[in-house]
Amino acid sequence: MAKRDYYEVLGVDRSADEDTIKKAYRKLAKKYHPDMNPGNSDAETKFKEVNEAYAILSDSEKRSAYDNYGHAAFENGGAGAGGFDMGDIDLGDIFGSMFGFGGFGGSSQRRKNAPRRGEDIGYAISVTFEEAAFGVKKEMEFSRIARCSDCNGSGSKDGKTETCSSCGGTGQRRVMQRLGGMSFQSTVTCEACRGTGKIIKEPCPKCRGNGMTKQQKKITVTVPAGIDNGGRIAIRGMGNDGANGGPAGDLIVEVRVKNHNLFDRRGYDIYCDVPITVAEATLGAEIDVPTLEGSKKFTIPEGTQTGTSFSLRGCGACRLENPDRRGDLIFTVVVETPKGLTSKQRELMRQFAEACGESNYGKKQRFFRKNKKNED
């Protein structure tokens, strides 16, 4: 049976670069892998075909020969003539995350003894409503994993280590595994040095040979003006120290804003309700409006209805991108009906009601007119 064109097998153009070919191969190798298609002989055939195509197109010399002569270039026992050999292909980086095999834990690009960035640390601090709106400095204390100060992270009491003889200092060993009727070369962590590539004769008593210890750290965090509940502050390099000389991670501080007894916040605007009397709503009045910086005078017009909203420009929270600019304070007036009237107050209210009649209550008149139309 004639072999299919290798470019067609991988679904790439003949001008495809190495990265494109590798991505196409990974996708198809995962799709047709025997463990993903148990008992499917067609998938196993395609899996072998995909690997054969990749073995040729991923090698610049073999690819050049194939481009010039096609499959004939390998008819005398080459990789494309039925003598396909997987020995030179490390599938650790392709299948490790899929199957979790001990031998597929990662490729040589991710050796355990290579420098690795430290983990980030999450921490939460509480601030008041006003502190979030205007910014504040907060002192905080947290724990981090740091390089042992006694051994400078080596894990050795005298600072001396020996190269692991089992893995030659790489922290990994190559092994052959059989999978789906084929042999694969993969990488496993060296058991002797546990992937570090080094043997410690005398472990450091402080860190017990780990090279890392827990450290208490106290710092002052600047909470920026305008930050909202759930906002995060990243402090670079204050996370856990990295392994094997790798950089430290970050400290990620999440800000939790306490509720206010008067205000709510939406974006950079703040909201509140302000109660007013019937007389103030009827006649208009100058009232006191609470803000984050004390009360401000505001004149409401005559005939103000309950539920009417007004704005005080620039009295909201500072803006993160420009603290000199602020949101608004939006307050809603709520007309309070008086309770516990004296007999004299009741009489005066009756006289007031009789004097007004129905003509001063437009909303009420419109409501009953609409209701009458519905009844008709």
Protein backbone atom coordinates (compact mmCIF):
# COMPACT_ATOMS: atom_id res chain seq x y z
CA MET A 1 0.00 0.00 0.00
CA ALA A 2 1.41 3.39 -1.03
CA LYS A 3 2.46 5.66 1.80
CA ARG A 4 0.65 8.96 2.26
CA ASP A 5 2.52 12.21 1.86
CA TYR A 6 4.07 13.09 5.23
CA TYR A 7 2.90 16.70 5.02
CA GLU A 8 -0.61 15.47 4.34
CA VAL A 9 -0.41 13.11 7.31
CA LEU A 10 0.39 15.99 9.68
CA GLY A 11 -1.97 18.37 7.90
CA VAL A 12 0.66 21.06 7.29
CA ASP A 13 1.90 22.99 4.28
CA ARG A 14 5.23 21.99 2.69
CA SER A 15 6.63 25.37 3.76
CA ALA A 16 5.63 24.87 7.43
CA ASP A 17 8.28 25.77 10.00
CA GLU A 18 9.49 23.54 12.85
CA ASP A 19 7.06 24.94 15.43
CA THR A 20 4.07 24.41 13.14
CA ILE A 21 5.11 20.83 12.45
CA LYS A 22 5.65 20.12 16.14
CA LYS A 23 2.26 21.58 17.13
CA ALA A 24 0.50 19.53 14.45
CA TYR A 25 2.30 16.39 15.57
CA ARG A 26 1.40 16.89 19.24
CA LYS A 27 -2.25 17.40 18.42
CA LEU A 28 -2.49 14.28 16.26
CA ALA A 29 -0.34 12.11 18.55
CA LYS A 30 -2.68 12.86 21.44
CA LYS A 31 -5.74 12.23 19.25
CA TYR A 32 -4.63 8.79 18.01
CA HIS A 33 -2.66 7.57 21.03
CA PRO A 34 -3.52 3.93 21.88
CA ASP A 35 -4.42 4.81 25.46
CA MET A 36 -7.05 7.22 24.17
CA ASN A 37 -8.35 4.63 21.68
CA PRO A 38 -8.13 1.21 23.34
CA GLY A 39 -8.74 -1.63 20.90
CA ASN A 40 -8.97 0.72 17.91
CA SER A 41 -6.61 -0.70 15.30
CA ASP A 42 -7.32 2.15 12.87
CA ALA A 43 -6.25 4.72 15.47
CA GLU A 44 -3.09 2.70 16.22
CA THR A 45 -2.22 2.66 12.51
CA LYS A 46 -2.71 6.41 12.26
CA PHE A 47 -0.65 6.90 15.43
CA LYS A 48 2.28 5.04 13.85
CA GLU A 49 1.80 7.00 10.61
CA VAL A 50 1.85 10.34 12.47
CA ASN A 51 5.01 9.43 14.38
CA GLU A 52 6.72 8.23 11.21
CA ALA A 53 5.90 11.50 9.44
CA TYR A 54 7.16 13.55 12.36
CA ALA A 55 10.41 11.56 12.59
CA ILE A 56 11.19 12.61 9.02
CA LEU A 57 9.89 16.19 8.95
CA SER A 58 11.37 17.15 12.33
CA ASP A 59 14.88 16.24 11.16
CA SER A 60 16.27 18.86 8.78
CA GLU A 61 18.45 16.38 6.83
CA LYS A 62 15.74 13.76 6.49
CA ARG A 63 13.20 16.41 5.55
CA SER A 64 15.49 17.75 2.83
CA ALA A 65 15.96 14.26 1.44
CA TYR A 66 12.21 13.66 1.52
CA ASP A 67 11.48 16.96 -0.20
CA ASN A 68 13.88 16.02 -3.00
CA TYR A 69 13.20 12.31 -3.44
CA GLY A 70 9.99 11.54 -1.56
CA HIS A 71 9.59 8.14 0.10
CA ALA A 72 12.25 6.69 -2.25
CA ALA A 73 14.88 8.43 -0.16
CA PHE A 74 14.30 5.87 2.61
CA GLU A 75 13.62 2.69 0.72
CA ASN A 76 16.90 1.06 1.70
CA GLY A 77 16.17 0.64 5.38
CA GLY A 78 15.70 4.26 6.30
CA ALA A 79 13.21 5.49 8.84
CA GLY A 80 10.46 5.65 6.27
CA ALA A 81 10.81 2.09 4.90
CA GLY A 82 9.07 0.12 7.58
CA GLY A 83 12.10 0.27 9.86
CA PHE A 84 10.66 3.21 11.76
CA ASP A 85 12.41 3.68 15.13
CA MET A 86 10.96 5.70 18.01
CA GLY A 87 14.16 5.50 20.04
CA ASP A 88 15.21 9.07 19.33
CA ILE A 89 11.87 10.68 20.17
CA ASP A 90 11.20 11.75 23.76
CA LEU A 91 7.46 11.87 24.23
CA GLY A 92 7.58 13.10 27.84
CA ASP A 93 6.54 16.66 27.04
CA ILE A 94 3.72 15.43 24.83
CA PHE A 95 1.97 12.85 26.98
CA GLY A 96 3.06 13.67 30.52
CA SER A 97 0.13 15.94 31.35
CA MET A 98 -2.33 13.55 29.69
CA PHE A 99 -1.52 10.23 31.28
CA GLY A 100 0.54 11.00 34.37
CA PHE A 101 2.95 8.10 33.82
CA GLY A 102 6.02 8.11 36.01
CA GLY A 103 8.17 8.00 32.89
CA PHE A 104 6.27 10.83 31.23
CA GLY A 105 6.70 13.39 33.97
CA GLY A 106 8.32 16.01 31.79
CA SER A 107 10.97 16.54 29.17
CA SER A 108 14.59 17.52 29.63
CA GLN A 109 13.50 21.13 29.34
CA ARG A 110 11.94 20.85 32.79
CA ARG A 111 14.62 19.07 34.81
CA LYS A 112 14.11 19.15 38.56
CA ASN A 113 17.60 20.51 39.10
CA ALA A 114 17.05 23.42 36.70
CA PRO A 115 16.36 26.86 38.22
CA ARG A 116 12.66 27.21 39.00
CA ARG A 117 10.67 30.29 39.93
CA GLY A 118 9.27 30.30 43.43
CA GLU A 119 5.54 30.07 44.10
CA ASP A 120 3.38 33.14 44.60
CA ILE A 121 1.92 33.78 48.05
CA GLY A 122 -1.65 34.92 48.56
CA TYR A 123 -2.56 37.20 51.45
CA ALA A 124 -5.67 39.23 52.33
CA ILE A 125 -5.89 42.53 54.20
CA SER A 126 -8.94 44.45 55.38
CA VAL A 127 -9.38 48.18 54.87
CA THR A 128 -12.20 50.58 55.66
CA PHE A 129 -14.47 52.08 53.04
CA GLU A 130 -12.64 55.41 53.32
CA GLU A 131 -9.17 53.81 53.17
CA ALA A 132 -10.09 52.08 49.91
CA ALA A 133 -11.45 55.32 48.47
CA PHE A 134 -8.43 57.47 49.36
CA GLY A 135 -5.56 54.96 49.79
CA VAL A 136 -3.64 53.92 52.88
CA LYS A 137 -0.43 52.23 54.03
CA LYS A 138 -0.87 48.97 55.93
CA GLU A 139 1.70 46.96 57.84
CA MET A 140 1.39 43.22 57.39
CA GLU A 141 3.25 40.11 58.49
CA PHE A 142 3.31 36.86 56.53
CA SER A 143 5.26 33.61 56.11
CA ARG A 144 7.39 32.76 53.10
CA ILE A 145 9.75 29.97 52.09
CA ALA A 146 13.26 31.38 51.89
CA ARG A 147 16.73 30.01 51.20
CA CYS A 148 18.29 28.72 54.39
CA SER A 149 20.58 31.39 55.81
CA ASP A 150 22.96 28.81 57.34
CA CYS A 151 23.73 26.90 54.14
CA ASN A 152 22.70 29.58 51.60
CA GLY A 153 20.23 27.19 50.07
CA SER A 154 22.67 24.36 49.34
CA GLY A 155 21.19 22.02 51.95
CA SER A 156 24.71 21.01 52.98
CA LYS A 157 26.18 21.69 56.41
CA ASP A 158 29.58 22.61 55.00
CA GLY A 159 28.26 23.90 51.68
CA LYS A 160 29.72 20.94 49.79
CA THR A 161 27.76 18.66 47.49
CA GLU A 162 28.69 15.85 45.13
CA THR A 163 27.40 15.23 41.64
CA CYS A 164 24.99 12.30 41.60
CA SER A 165 26.71 9.35 39.96
CA SER A 166 23.42 7.72 38.96
CA CYS A 167 22.26 10.54 36.67
CA GLY A 168 25.49 12.45 36.12
CA GLY A 169 24.02 15.56 37.74
CA THR A 170 21.06 15.91 35.38
CA GLY A 171 18.48 14.80 37.94
CA GLN A 172 16.91 12.51 35.35
CA ARG A 173 17.43 9.14 33.73
CA ARG A 174 16.27 7.94 30.32
CA VAL A 175 14.36 4.67 30.22
CA MET A 176 12.62 2.62 27.54
CA GLN A 177 8.92 1.86 27.91
CA ARG A 178 6.53 -0.15 25.81
CA LEU A 179 3.15 1.35 25.02
CA GLY A 180 0.62 0.26 22.45
CA GLY A 181 3.00 -2.33 21.04
CA MET A 182 5.80 0.18 20.50
CA SER A 183 8.90 1.18 22.43
CA PHE A 184 9.26 4.75 23.68
CA GLN A 185 12.21 6.51 25.17
CA SER A 186 11.16 8.68 28.10
CA THR A 187 12.59 10.43 31.12
CA VAL A 188 12.18 9.64 34.83
CA THR A 189 13.35 11.44 37.94
CA CYS A 190 16.54 10.02 39.39
CA GLU A 191 15.72 8.10 42.58
CA ALA A 192 19.18 8.52 44.08
CA CYS A 193 19.18 12.32 44.21
CA ARG A 194 15.39 12.86 43.90
CA GLY A 195 15.91 14.99 40.84
CA THR A 196 18.38 17.46 42.31
CA GLY A 197 21.44 16.09 40.54
CA LYS A 198 23.42 16.38 43.80
CA ILE A 199 24.21 14.17 46.75
CA ILE A 200 24.55 15.79 50.18
CA LYS A 201 26.78 13.92 52.64
CA GLU A 202 26.16 16.15 55.66
CA PRO A 203 22.72 17.84 55.58
CA CYS A 204 22.34 21.30 57.09
CA PRO A 205 20.78 20.89 60.57
CA LYS A 206 18.67 24.04 60.23
CA CYS A 207 16.88 23.12 56.99
CA ARG A 208 17.52 19.34 57.21
CA GLY A 209 19.05 19.32 53.77
CA ASN A 210 16.12 20.98 52.01
CA GLY A 211 17.93 24.27 51.49
CA MET A 212 14.74 26.15 52.42
CA THR A 213 13.22 27.34 55.68
CA LYS A 214 10.05 29.18 56.70
CA GLN A 215 10.59 32.87 57.33
CA GLN A 216 8.40 35.52 58.96
CA LYS A 217 8.39 38.77 57.02
CA LYS A 218 6.96 42.15 57.98
CA ILE A 219 6.40 44.81 55.33
CA THR A 220 4.38 47.96 54.69
CA VAL A 221 1.94 47.70 51.79
CA THR A 222 0.72 50.76 49.91
CA VAL A 223 -2.97 50.32 49.16
CA PRO A 224 -3.65 52.61 46.18
CA ALA A 225 -6.47 55.17 46.27
CA GLY A 226 -9.55 53.92 44.46
CA ILE A 227 -9.01 50.20 44.89
CA ASP A 228 -12.26 48.26 45.22
CA ASN A 229 -13.23 45.15 47.12
CA GLY A 230 -11.39 42.13 45.71
CA GLY A 231 -8.68 44.25 44.10
CA ARG A 232 -5.18 42.75 44.11
CA ILE A 233 -1.74 44.23 44.66
CA ALA A 234 1.29 42.32 43.32
CA ILE A 235 4.56 42.84 45.20
CA ARG A 236 7.27 41.43 42.96
CA GLY A 237 9.86 39.08 44.40
CA MET A 238 8.24 38.81 47.85
CA GLY A 239 6.83 35.33 47.31
CA ASN A 240 8.65 32.07 48.02
CA ASP A 241 12.27 31.83 46.92
CA GLY A 242 12.89 29.82 43.78
CA ALA A 243 14.63 26.44 43.74
CA ASN A 244 18.13 25.92 42.36
CA GLY A 245 18.80 29.64 42.21
CA GLY A 246 15.53 30.49 40.45
CA PRO A 247 13.82 33.85 41.05
CA ALA A 248 11.35 34.38 43.88
CA GLY A 249 7.62 34.43 43.24
CA ASP A 250 5.34 37.36 44.03
CA LEU A 251 3.25 38.32 47.03
CA ILE A 252 -0.34 38.80 45.88
CA VAL A 253 -2.31 40.91 48.36
CA GLU A 254 -6.10 40.82 48.01
CA VAL A 255 -7.90 43.85 49.43
CA ARG A 256 -11.16 43.29 51.30
CA VAL A 257 -13.16 46.45 51.87
CA LYS A 258 -15.40 46.63 54.93
CA ASN A 259 -19.02 47.69 54.47
CA HIS A 260 -19.98 51.27 55.33
CA ASN A 261 -23.02 52.04 57.47
CA LEU A 262 -24.22 54.78 55.06
CA PHE A 263 -22.59 54.34 51.67
CA ASP A 264 -22.53 51.78 48.87
CA ARG A 265 -20.02 51.87 46.05
CA ARG A 266 -20.37 51.15 42.33
CA GLY A 267 -17.17 51.75 40.45
CA TYR A 268 -15.84 55.09 41.62
CA ASP A 269 -19.29 56.53 42.47
CA ILE A 270 -20.76 56.17 45.95
CA TYR A 271 -24.44 56.08 46.83
CA CYS A 272 -26.57 56.81 49.88
CA ASP A 273 -30.14 57.65 50.92
CA VAL A 274 -30.89 60.96 52.68
CA PRO A 275 -34.18 61.31 54.62
CA ILE A 276 -36.00 64.66 54.40
CA THR A 277 -39.20 65.97 55.97
CA VAL A 278 -42.50 66.55 54.23
CA ALA A 279 -42.04 70.29 54.70
CA GLU A 280 -38.52 70.22 53.20
CA ALA A 281 -39.75 68.24 50.21
CA THR A 282 -42.76 70.51 49.75
CA LEU A 283 -41.13 73.91 50.21
CA GLY A 284 -37.56 73.09 49.18
CA ALA A 285 -34.71 73.43 51.66
CA GLU A 286 -31.00 73.46 52.24
CA ILE A 287 -30.08 70.08 53.71
CA ASP A 288 -26.93 68.42 55.03
CA VAL A 289 -25.62 65.60 52.83
CA PRO A 290 -23.06 63.18 54.32
CA THR A 291 -19.86 62.62 52.31
CA LEU A 292 -16.61 60.75 52.92
CA GLU A 293 -15.13 64.01 54.14
CA GLY A 294 -17.94 65.33 56.32
CA SER A 295 -21.33 66.92 55.56
CA LYS A 296 -21.92 69.30 52.66
CA LYS A 297 -24.82 71.72 52.14
CA PHE A 298 -27.16 71.05 49.22
CA THR A 299 -30.34 72.86 48.22
CA ILE A 300 -33.21 70.68 47.06
CA PRO A 301 -35.95 72.33 44.99
CA GLU A 302 -39.56 72.89 45.96
CA GLY A 303 -41.82 69.91 45.31
CA THR A 304 -39.07 67.28 45.47
CA GLN A 305 -40.52 63.78 45.31
CA THR A 306 -39.31 60.81 47.33
CA GLY A 307 -36.85 58.71 45.30
CA THR A 308 -35.39 61.71 43.47
CA SER A 309 -31.60 61.46 43.08
CA PHE A 310 -29.04 64.27 43.09
CA SER A 311 -25.25 64.30 42.55
CA LEU A 312 -22.33 65.93 44.27
CA ARG A 313 -19.60 65.99 41.63
CA GLY A 314 -16.14 64.83 42.65
CA CYS A 315 -17.21 63.55 46.07
CA GLY A 316 -16.81 59.85 45.28
CA ALA A 317 -13.76 57.54 45.39
CA CYS A 318 -10.42 58.43 43.78
CA ARG A 319 -9.76 56.85 40.41
CA LEU A 320 -7.01 54.24 40.32
CA GLU A 321 -5.57 55.49 37.05
CA ASN A 322 -5.67 59.13 38.18
CA PRO A 323 -6.11 59.72 41.94
CA ASP A 324 -6.57 63.45 41.34
CA ARG A 325 -9.89 62.67 39.70
CA ARG A 326 -12.81 61.27 41.67
CA GLY A 327 -16.20 59.75 41.10
CA ASP A 328 -19.45 61.34 42.28
CA LEU A 329 -21.63 61.04 45.35
CA ILE A 330 -25.17 60.21 44.26
CA PHE A 331 -27.80 60.53 46.98
CA THR A 332 -31.51 59.72 46.86
CA VAL A 333 -33.96 61.69 49.01
CA VAL A 334 -36.56 59.72 50.94
CA VAL A 335 -39.50 61.76 52.22
CA GLU A 336 -40.28 60.70 55.76
CA THR A 337 -43.89 60.73 56.87
CA PRO A 338 -44.19 62.12 60.42
CA LYS A 339 -45.42 59.82 63.22
CA GLY A 340 -46.87 60.46 66.68
CA LEU A 341 -48.59 63.77 65.85
CA THR A 342 -50.23 65.79 68.62
CA SER A 343 -53.88 66.80 68.31
CA LYS A 344 -52.82 70.27 67.26
CA GLN A 345 -50.49 68.92 64.58
CA ARG A 346 -53.26 66.65 63.31
CA GLU A 347 -55.63 69.56 63.01
CA LEU A 348 -53.08 71.64 61.15
CA MET A 349 -52.41 68.72 58.79
CA ARG A 350 -56.16 68.42 58.07
CA GLN A 351 -56.35 72.11 57.32
CA PHE A 352 -53.33 71.77 55.04
CA ALA A 353 -54.91 68.83 53.21
CA GLU A 354 -58.20 70.67 52.76
CA ALA A 355 -56.36 73.74 51.47
CA CYS A 356 -54.45 71.70 48.89
CA GLY A 357 -57.34 69.57 47.77
CA GLU A 358 -56.39 67.29 44.88
CA SER A 359 -54.96 69.92 42.56
CA ASN A 360 -51.47 69.81 44.07
CA TYR A 361 -51.08 66.04 43.66
CA GLY A 362 -50.55 65.51 39.94
CA LYS A 363 -49.14 62.00 40.25
CA LYS A 364 -52.14 60.85 42.27
CA GLN A 365 -54.58 62.38 39.77
CA ARG A 366 -52.81 60.70 36.83
CA PHE A 367 -52.83 57.36 38.62
CA PHE A 368 -56.59 57.36 39.19
CA ARG A 369 -57.29 58.59 35.67
CA LYS A 370 -55.36 55.59 34.30
CA ASN A 371 -57.19 53.27 36.68
CA LYS A 372 -60.58 54.64 35.57
CA LYS A 373 -59.65 53.99 31.92
CA ASN A 374 -58.81 50.38 32.80
CA GLU A 375 -62.18 49.96 34.51
CA ASP A 376 -64.04 51.47 31.56
